[in-house]
Amino acid sequence: MKQLLSAFVLLIAFVSCKSMKDPIFKGIENVKMDELNFNDPTVTLDMRYHNPNNFKGLLKQAEGDAWLDSSYLGHFIVDTAVNIPANSEFTVPVKLAVDKKQLLKHSLVAFLNEEVTIRITGKARAGKSGLYRNFSLNYMGKQNLRELFK
């Protein structure tokens, strides 16, 4: 009987993980340059997502890389857990370590062009009730830089 109950619990856990949908990327907001430090430049920003699932969850960690107009911008990490509300939008605070070689180039691009192409790739780990799975982070789209830095 215990084996049957254990198998049933594992089956429910497996089915619930399979039915979990990936969060939908909605945009970037609240971009801020940390102290102007050319030795170790860091940008903080919020990545906005929508949770299409009817249950809440927890983002445990995320990391990846970012490109601006096909030039490598830097590596980002999310080192704090983020609560994900059910069927609604949420923001993920991100620290982006900018490649200092690209910092001046991208600053000039930001002033000359209204829109740039941003590409993000990486991985995240999220779930609920002790059941977590890895998600791919893949986004490419146009962003208005003047709106981001307001």
N, C-alpha and C. Protein backbone atom coordinates (compact mmCIF):
# COMPACT_ATOMS: atom_id res chain seq x y z
N MET A 1 0.82 -1.19 0.00
CA MET A 1 0.00 0.00 0.00
C MET A 1 0.87 1.27 0.00
N LYS A 2 1.96 1.26 0.80
CA LYS A 2 2.84 2.41 0.85
C LYS A 2 3.49 2.65 -0.51
N GLN A 3 3.85 1.57 -1.21
CA GLN A 3 4.47 1.72 -2.52
C GLN A 3 3.49 2.32 -3.52
N LEU A 4 2.23 1.91 -3.44
CA LEU A 4 1.20 2.43 -4.33
C LEU A 4 0.99 3.92 -4.07
N LEU A 5 0.95 4.30 -2.80
CA LEU A 5 0.78 5.71 -2.43
C LEU A 5 1.98 6.54 -2.91
N SER A 6 3.19 6.00 -2.73
CA SER A 6 4.39 6.71 -3.18
C SER A 6 4.38 6.88 -4.70
N ALA A 7 3.99 5.85 -5.41
CA ALA A 7 3.93 5.93 -6.88
C ALA A 7 2.89 6.96 -7.31
N PHE A 8 1.77 7.03 -6.62
CA PHE A 8 0.72 7.99 -6.94
C PHE A 8 1.22 9.43 -6.72
N VAL A 9 1.91 9.66 -5.62
CA VAL A 9 2.46 10.99 -5.32
C VAL A 9 3.48 11.38 -6.39
N LEU A 10 4.36 10.45 -6.78
CA LEU A 10 5.34 10.74 -7.82
C LEU A 10 4.68 11.02 -9.16
N LEU A 11 3.61 10.30 -9.48
CA LEU A 11 2.88 10.52 -10.72
C LEU A 11 2.26 11.92 -10.74
N ILE A 12 1.64 12.33 -9.65
CA ILE A 12 1.05 13.67 -9.55
C ILE A 12 2.14 14.74 -9.68
N ALA A 13 3.27 14.54 -9.03
CA ALA A 13 4.37 15.50 -9.11
C ALA A 13 4.88 15.60 -10.55
N PHE A 14 5.01 14.46 -11.23
CA PHE A 14 5.48 14.45 -12.60
C PHE A 14 4.50 15.17 -13.53
N VAL A 15 3.21 14.90 -13.37
CA VAL A 15 2.19 15.54 -14.21
C VAL A 15 2.14 17.04 -13.95
N SER A 16 2.25 17.45 -12.68
CA SER A 16 2.18 18.89 -12.38
C SER A 16 3.39 19.62 -12.94
N CYS A 17 4.57 18.99 -12.97
CA CYS A 17 5.74 19.63 -13.55
C CYS A 17 5.60 19.75 -15.06
N LYS A 18 5.02 18.75 -15.69
CA LYS A 18 4.85 18.80 -17.15
C LYS A 18 3.87 19.87 -17.56
N SER A 19 2.84 20.14 -16.73
CA SER A 19 1.83 21.11 -17.11
C SER A 19 2.25 22.55 -16.78
N MET A 20 3.40 22.72 -16.15
CA MET A 20 3.89 24.05 -15.81
C MET A 20 4.35 24.76 -17.08
N LYS A 21 3.79 25.94 -17.35
CA LYS A 21 4.14 26.70 -18.54
C LYS A 21 5.26 27.68 -18.22
N ASP A 22 6.08 27.94 -19.23
CA ASP A 22 7.17 28.90 -19.06
C ASP A 22 6.62 30.31 -18.89
N PRO A 23 7.26 31.13 -18.06
CA PRO A 23 6.85 32.53 -17.95
C PRO A 23 7.07 33.26 -19.27
N ILE A 24 6.28 34.29 -19.51
CA ILE A 24 6.34 35.06 -20.76
C ILE A 24 7.03 36.39 -20.50
N PHE A 25 8.10 36.65 -21.24
CA PHE A 25 8.86 37.89 -21.10
C PHE A 25 8.02 39.05 -21.61
N LYS A 26 7.92 40.12 -20.80
CA LYS A 26 7.12 41.30 -21.17
C LYS A 26 7.96 42.54 -21.43
N GLY A 27 9.14 42.63 -20.84
CA GLY A 27 9.96 43.81 -21.10
C GLY A 27 10.96 44.09 -20.00
N ILE A 28 11.70 45.16 -20.22
CA ILE A 28 12.72 45.61 -19.27
C ILE A 28 12.32 46.99 -18.78
N GLU A 29 12.53 47.24 -17.50
CA GLU A 29 12.20 48.55 -16.92
C GLU A 29 13.16 48.88 -15.78
N ASN A 30 13.12 50.12 -15.33
CA ASN A 30 13.92 50.60 -14.19
C ASN A 30 15.42 50.35 -14.35
N VAL A 31 15.96 50.70 -15.50
CA VAL A 31 17.39 50.52 -15.75
C VAL A 31 18.16 51.62 -15.05
N LYS A 32 19.17 51.22 -14.27
CA LYS A 32 19.99 52.20 -13.55
C LYS A 32 21.44 51.76 -13.60
N MET A 33 22.29 52.72 -13.85
CA MET A 33 23.73 52.47 -13.82
C MET A 33 24.18 52.65 -12.39
N ASP A 34 24.82 51.62 -11.83
CA ASP A 34 25.38 51.77 -10.50
C ASP A 34 26.50 52.79 -10.58
N GLU A 35 27.08 53.10 -9.48
CA GLU A 35 28.13 54.11 -9.46
C GLU A 35 29.00 54.00 -10.69
N LEU A 36 29.30 55.13 -11.29
CA LEU A 36 30.12 55.14 -12.50
C LEU A 36 31.51 54.66 -12.15
N ASN A 37 31.70 53.38 -12.36
CA ASN A 37 32.94 52.72 -12.00
C ASN A 37 33.43 51.98 -13.24
N PHE A 38 34.44 52.47 -13.90
CA PHE A 38 34.91 51.85 -15.14
C PHE A 38 35.69 50.57 -14.91
N ASN A 39 36.09 50.29 -13.68
CA ASN A 39 36.80 49.05 -13.41
C ASN A 39 35.85 47.86 -13.34
N ASP A 40 34.66 48.07 -12.83
CA ASP A 40 33.70 46.98 -12.65
C ASP A 40 32.28 47.51 -12.84
N PRO A 41 31.91 47.97 -14.07
CA PRO A 41 30.60 48.59 -14.27
C PRO A 41 29.44 47.60 -14.10
N THR A 42 28.40 48.06 -13.40
CA THR A 42 27.22 47.21 -13.16
C THR A 42 25.96 48.01 -13.44
N VAL A 43 25.02 47.36 -14.12
CA VAL A 43 23.72 47.95 -14.40
C VAL A 43 22.68 47.10 -13.66
N THR A 44 21.75 47.76 -12.98
CA THR A 44 20.63 47.05 -12.37
C THR A 44 19.38 47.36 -13.18
N LEU A 45 18.52 46.37 -13.29
CA LEU A 45 17.29 46.53 -14.05
C LEU A 45 16.27 45.52 -13.58
N ASP A 46 15.02 45.74 -13.96
CA ASP A 46 13.95 44.79 -13.66
C ASP A 46 13.50 44.16 -14.96
N MET A 47 13.43 42.84 -14.99
CA MET A 47 12.86 42.13 -16.13
C MET A 47 11.43 41.76 -15.74
N ARG A 48 10.47 42.19 -16.56
CA ARG A 48 9.05 41.96 -16.27
C ARG A 48 8.57 40.73 -17.03
N TYR A 49 7.88 39.84 -16.31
CA TYR A 49 7.34 38.59 -16.86
C TYR A 49 5.88 38.45 -16.50
N HIS A 50 5.20 37.54 -17.22
CA HIS A 50 3.84 37.14 -16.87
C HIS A 50 3.86 35.64 -16.58
N ASN A 51 3.27 35.26 -15.45
CA ASN A 51 3.13 33.84 -15.09
C ASN A 51 1.79 33.35 -15.64
N PRO A 52 1.79 32.48 -16.67
CA PRO A 52 0.53 32.00 -17.25
C PRO A 52 -0.11 30.87 -16.45
N ASN A 53 0.53 30.43 -15.39
CA ASN A 53 0.03 29.31 -14.59
C ASN A 53 -0.97 29.78 -13.54
N ASN A 54 -1.86 28.91 -13.15
CA ASN A 54 -2.87 29.22 -12.15
C ASN A 54 -2.38 28.95 -10.74
N PHE A 55 -1.09 28.88 -10.57
CA PHE A 55 -0.52 28.68 -9.24
C PHE A 55 0.71 29.55 -9.07
N LYS A 56 0.98 29.90 -7.83
CA LYS A 56 2.15 30.73 -7.55
C LYS A 56 3.39 29.85 -7.52
N GLY A 57 4.54 30.48 -7.54
CA GLY A 57 5.79 29.74 -7.52
C GLY A 57 6.92 30.57 -6.95
N LEU A 58 8.12 30.07 -7.13
CA LEU A 58 9.30 30.74 -6.61
C LEU A 58 10.43 30.60 -7.63
N LEU A 59 11.02 31.74 -8.00
CA LEU A 59 12.22 31.72 -8.84
C LEU A 59 13.40 31.63 -7.89
N LYS A 60 14.15 30.55 -7.98
CA LYS A 60 15.26 30.35 -7.06
C LYS A 60 16.55 31.01 -7.55
N GLN A 61 16.78 30.96 -8.85
CA GLN A 61 18.01 31.55 -9.39
C GLN A 61 17.88 31.71 -10.90
N ALA A 62 18.69 32.59 -11.45
CA ALA A 62 18.75 32.79 -12.90
C ALA A 62 20.08 33.43 -13.24
N GLU A 63 20.55 33.14 -14.44
CA GLU A 63 21.75 33.79 -14.95
C GLU A 63 21.78 33.67 -16.47
N GLY A 64 22.56 34.55 -17.07
CA GLY A 64 22.65 34.51 -18.52
C GLY A 64 23.50 35.64 -19.06
N ASP A 65 23.32 35.88 -20.36
CA ASP A 65 24.10 36.90 -21.05
C ASP A 65 23.18 37.81 -21.83
N ALA A 66 23.65 39.04 -22.08
CA ALA A 66 22.86 40.03 -22.79
C ALA A 66 23.69 40.64 -23.92
N TRP A 67 22.99 40.94 -25.02
CA TRP A 67 23.60 41.58 -26.19
C TRP A 67 22.80 42.82 -26.54
N LEU A 68 23.48 43.82 -27.02
CA LEU A 68 22.85 45.06 -27.48
C LEU A 68 23.28 45.26 -28.92
N ASP A 69 22.32 45.23 -29.84
CA ASP A 69 22.62 45.33 -31.27
C ASP A 69 23.74 44.39 -31.69
N SER A 70 23.64 43.14 -31.33
CA SER A 70 24.55 42.03 -31.67
C SER A 70 25.94 42.15 -31.05
N SER A 71 26.18 43.11 -30.18
CA SER A 71 27.45 43.21 -29.45
C SER A 71 27.22 42.73 -28.02
N TYR A 72 28.13 41.89 -27.55
CA TYR A 72 28.03 41.35 -26.20
C TYR A 72 28.04 42.49 -25.18
N LEU A 73 27.04 42.51 -24.30
CA LEU A 73 26.94 43.57 -23.30
C LEU A 73 27.49 43.11 -21.96
N GLY A 74 27.14 41.89 -21.53
CA GLY A 74 27.64 41.40 -20.26
C GLY A 74 26.86 40.22 -19.72
N HIS A 75 27.24 39.79 -18.53
CA HIS A 75 26.65 38.63 -17.85
C HIS A 75 25.75 39.12 -16.72
N PHE A 76 24.58 38.48 -16.57
CA PHE A 76 23.69 38.87 -15.48
C PHE A 76 23.42 37.70 -14.56
N ILE A 77 23.08 38.04 -13.31
CA ILE A 77 22.69 37.04 -12.33
C ILE A 77 21.49 37.55 -11.53
N VAL A 78 20.71 36.60 -11.07
CA VAL A 78 19.64 36.88 -10.11
C VAL A 78 20.00 36.03 -8.89
N ASP A 79 20.41 36.70 -7.83
CA ASP A 79 20.91 35.96 -6.67
C ASP A 79 19.96 35.99 -5.48
N THR A 80 18.74 36.47 -5.68
CA THR A 80 17.75 36.46 -4.62
C THR A 80 16.49 35.74 -5.12
N ALA A 81 15.83 35.03 -4.24
CA ALA A 81 14.59 34.34 -4.60
C ALA A 81 13.49 35.37 -4.87
N VAL A 82 12.66 35.09 -5.89
CA VAL A 82 11.58 35.99 -6.27
C VAL A 82 10.27 35.22 -6.23
N ASN A 83 9.30 35.74 -5.47
CA ASN A 83 7.97 35.13 -5.45
C ASN A 83 7.25 35.43 -6.76
N ILE A 84 6.62 34.40 -7.30
CA ILE A 84 5.90 34.52 -8.57
C ILE A 84 4.41 34.34 -8.29
N PRO A 85 3.62 35.40 -8.43
CA PRO A 85 2.18 35.28 -8.18
C PRO A 85 1.49 34.49 -9.29
N ALA A 86 0.37 33.87 -8.94
CA ALA A 86 -0.39 33.08 -9.90
C ALA A 86 -1.02 33.97 -10.96
N ASN A 87 -0.92 33.55 -12.21
CA ASN A 87 -1.58 34.19 -13.35
C ASN A 87 -1.50 35.72 -13.32
N SER A 88 -0.30 36.25 -13.14
CA SER A 88 -0.14 37.70 -13.13
C SER A 88 1.30 38.06 -13.45
N GLU A 89 1.57 39.36 -13.54
CA GLU A 89 2.91 39.83 -13.86
C GLU A 89 3.76 39.96 -12.61
N PHE A 90 5.06 39.82 -12.82
CA PHE A 90 6.02 39.97 -11.72
C PHE A 90 7.32 40.49 -12.30
N THR A 91 8.15 41.08 -11.45
CA THR A 91 9.44 41.59 -11.90
C THR A 91 10.57 40.83 -11.22
N VAL A 92 11.65 40.72 -11.95
CA VAL A 92 12.84 40.03 -11.45
C VAL A 92 13.98 41.04 -11.45
N PRO A 93 14.53 41.37 -10.26
CA PRO A 93 15.65 42.31 -10.21
C PRO A 93 16.93 41.64 -10.70
N VAL A 94 17.63 42.31 -11.61
CA VAL A 94 18.80 41.73 -12.27
C VAL A 94 19.99 42.65 -12.09
N LYS A 95 21.15 42.05 -11.85
CA LYS A 95 22.42 42.78 -11.86
C LYS A 95 23.19 42.32 -13.08
N LEU A 96 23.53 43.27 -13.93
CA LEU A 96 24.25 42.97 -15.16
C LEU A 96 25.66 43.54 -15.06
N ALA A 97 26.64 42.65 -15.07
CA ALA A 97 28.04 43.07 -15.07
C ALA A 97 28.41 43.38 -16.52
N VAL A 98 28.59 44.65 -16.82
CA VAL A 98 28.80 45.11 -18.19
C VAL A 98 30.27 44.94 -18.57
N ASP A 99 30.49 44.45 -19.78
CA ASP A 99 31.83 44.36 -20.34
C ASP A 99 32.34 45.79 -20.52
N LYS A 100 33.37 46.17 -19.80
CA LYS A 100 33.81 47.57 -19.80
C LYS A 100 34.29 48.04 -21.17
N LYS A 101 34.72 47.12 -22.03
CA LYS A 101 35.12 47.51 -23.39
C LYS A 101 33.92 48.03 -24.17
N GLN A 102 32.76 47.49 -23.85
CA GLN A 102 31.55 47.85 -24.59
C GLN A 102 30.80 49.04 -23.97
N LEU A 103 31.13 49.43 -22.75
CA LEU A 103 30.38 50.45 -22.04
C LEU A 103 30.30 51.78 -22.79
N LEU A 104 31.42 52.30 -23.22
CA LEU A 104 31.41 53.58 -23.92
C LEU A 104 30.72 53.47 -25.28
N LYS A 105 30.95 52.38 -25.97
CA LYS A 105 30.33 52.17 -27.27
C LYS A 105 28.81 52.18 -27.13
N HIS A 106 28.28 51.46 -26.12
CA HIS A 106 26.83 51.38 -25.94
C HIS A 106 26.25 52.67 -25.41
N SER A 107 27.02 53.43 -24.67
CA SER A 107 26.55 54.73 -24.20
C SER A 107 26.31 55.65 -25.39
N LEU A 108 27.22 55.61 -26.35
CA LEU A 108 27.08 56.43 -27.55
C LEU A 108 25.88 55.96 -28.38
N VAL A 109 25.71 54.65 -28.52
CA VAL A 109 24.57 54.10 -29.26
C VAL A 109 23.26 54.55 -28.61
N ALA A 110 23.22 54.57 -27.29
CA ALA A 110 21.99 54.95 -26.57
C ALA A 110 21.58 56.39 -26.89
N PHE A 111 22.57 57.26 -27.09
CA PHE A 111 22.24 58.65 -27.39
C PHE A 111 21.92 58.87 -28.87
N LEU A 112 22.46 58.04 -29.74
CA LEU A 112 22.25 58.22 -31.18
C LEU A 112 20.99 57.52 -31.71
N ASN A 113 20.64 56.40 -31.14
CA ASN A 113 19.51 55.61 -31.63
C ASN A 113 18.40 55.56 -30.59
N GLU A 114 17.16 55.66 -31.08
CA GLU A 114 16.04 55.55 -30.15
C GLU A 114 15.79 54.10 -29.76
N GLU A 115 15.87 53.20 -30.73
CA GLU A 115 15.61 51.80 -30.45
C GLU A 115 16.83 50.95 -30.77
N VAL A 116 17.02 49.94 -29.96
CA VAL A 116 18.09 48.97 -30.18
C VAL A 116 17.50 47.57 -30.04
N THR A 117 18.21 46.60 -30.58
CA THR A 117 17.81 45.21 -30.42
C THR A 117 18.51 44.65 -29.20
N ILE A 118 17.73 44.10 -28.29
CA ILE A 118 18.28 43.47 -27.09
C ILE A 118 18.04 41.97 -27.19
N ARG A 119 19.09 41.20 -26.92
CA ARG A 119 18.96 39.74 -26.91
C ARG A 119 19.42 39.22 -25.56
N ILE A 120 18.63 38.33 -25.00
CA ILE A 120 18.94 37.75 -23.69
C ILE A 120 18.88 36.23 -23.82
N THR A 121 19.91 35.55 -23.33
CA THR A 121 19.90 34.10 -23.26
C THR A 121 20.37 33.69 -21.88
N GLY A 122 19.86 32.59 -21.39
CA GLY A 122 20.29 32.11 -20.09
C GLY A 122 19.42 30.98 -19.59
N LYS A 123 19.46 30.79 -18.27
CA LYS A 123 18.69 29.73 -17.66
C LYS A 123 18.18 30.20 -16.30
N ALA A 124 17.07 29.61 -15.90
CA ALA A 124 16.48 29.94 -14.60
C ALA A 124 15.96 28.66 -13.98
N ARG A 125 15.80 28.69 -12.67
CA ARG A 125 15.25 27.55 -11.93
C ARG A 125 14.07 28.06 -11.11
N ALA A 126 12.89 27.49 -11.38
CA ALA A 126 11.67 27.93 -10.68
C ALA A 126 10.75 26.75 -10.47
N GLY A 127 9.82 26.91 -9.54
CA GLY A 127 8.85 25.86 -9.26
C GLY A 127 8.04 26.19 -8.03
N LYS A 128 7.50 25.13 -7.42
CA LYS A 128 6.71 25.31 -6.21
C LYS A 128 6.74 24.04 -5.38
N SER A 129 6.51 24.19 -4.12
CA SER A 129 6.39 23.06 -3.18
C SER A 129 7.53 22.07 -3.28
N GLY A 130 8.74 22.55 -3.46
CA GLY A 130 9.90 21.67 -3.52
C GLY A 130 10.11 21.03 -4.87
N LEU A 131 9.22 21.26 -5.83
CA LEU A 131 9.36 20.72 -7.18
C LEU A 131 9.80 21.84 -8.11
N TYR A 132 11.06 21.81 -8.52
CA TYR A 132 11.63 22.87 -9.34
C TYR A 132 12.12 22.30 -10.66
N ARG A 133 12.08 23.15 -11.69
CA ARG A 133 12.61 22.74 -12.99
C ARG A 133 13.36 23.90 -13.61
N ASN A 134 14.21 23.59 -14.56
CA ASN A 134 14.99 24.60 -15.25
C ASN A 134 14.21 25.13 -16.44
N PHE A 135 14.33 26.43 -16.68
CA PHE A 135 13.71 27.10 -17.81
C PHE A 135 14.80 27.77 -18.63
N SER A 136 14.61 27.80 -19.92
CA SER A 136 15.51 28.56 -20.78
C SER A 136 15.02 30.00 -20.84
N LEU A 137 15.94 30.92 -20.85
CA LEU A 137 15.63 32.34 -21.03
C LEU A 137 16.11 32.72 -22.42
N ASN A 138 15.19 33.05 -23.29
CA ASN A 138 15.52 33.47 -24.64
C ASN A 138 14.60 34.60 -25.04
N TYR A 139 15.19 35.73 -25.35
CA TYR A 139 14.40 36.88 -25.78
C TYR A 139 15.21 37.68 -26.78
N MET A 140 14.54 38.16 -27.82
CA MET A 140 15.15 39.12 -28.72
C MET A 140 14.05 40.06 -29.17
N GLY A 141 14.30 41.36 -29.00
CA GLY A 141 13.31 42.35 -29.40
C GLY A 141 13.86 43.75 -29.35
N LYS A 142 13.09 44.67 -29.88
CA LYS A 142 13.46 46.09 -29.89
C LYS A 142 13.06 46.73 -28.57
N GLN A 143 13.92 47.59 -28.07
CA GLN A 143 13.65 48.35 -26.85
C GLN A 143 14.01 49.81 -27.11
N ASN A 144 13.19 50.70 -26.59
CA ASN A 144 13.46 52.13 -26.67
C ASN A 144 14.35 52.50 -25.49
N LEU A 145 15.61 52.81 -25.76
CA LEU A 145 16.57 53.09 -24.69
C LEU A 145 16.25 54.37 -23.93
N ARG A 146 15.72 55.37 -24.61
CA ARG A 146 15.40 56.62 -23.90
C ARG A 146 14.31 56.37 -22.86
N GLU A 147 13.36 55.49 -23.18
CA GLU A 147 12.30 55.17 -22.21
C GLU A 147 12.87 54.36 -21.04
N LEU A 148 13.82 53.47 -21.32
CA LEU A 148 14.41 52.64 -20.26
C LEU A 148 15.16 53.46 -19.24
N PHE A 149 15.86 54.50 -19.69
CA PHE A 149 16.74 55.26 -18.80
C PHE A 149 16.08 56.49 -18.20
N LYS A 150 14.75 56.63 -18.33
CA LYS A 150 14.06 57.78 -17.74
C LYS A 150 14.11 57.74 -16.24
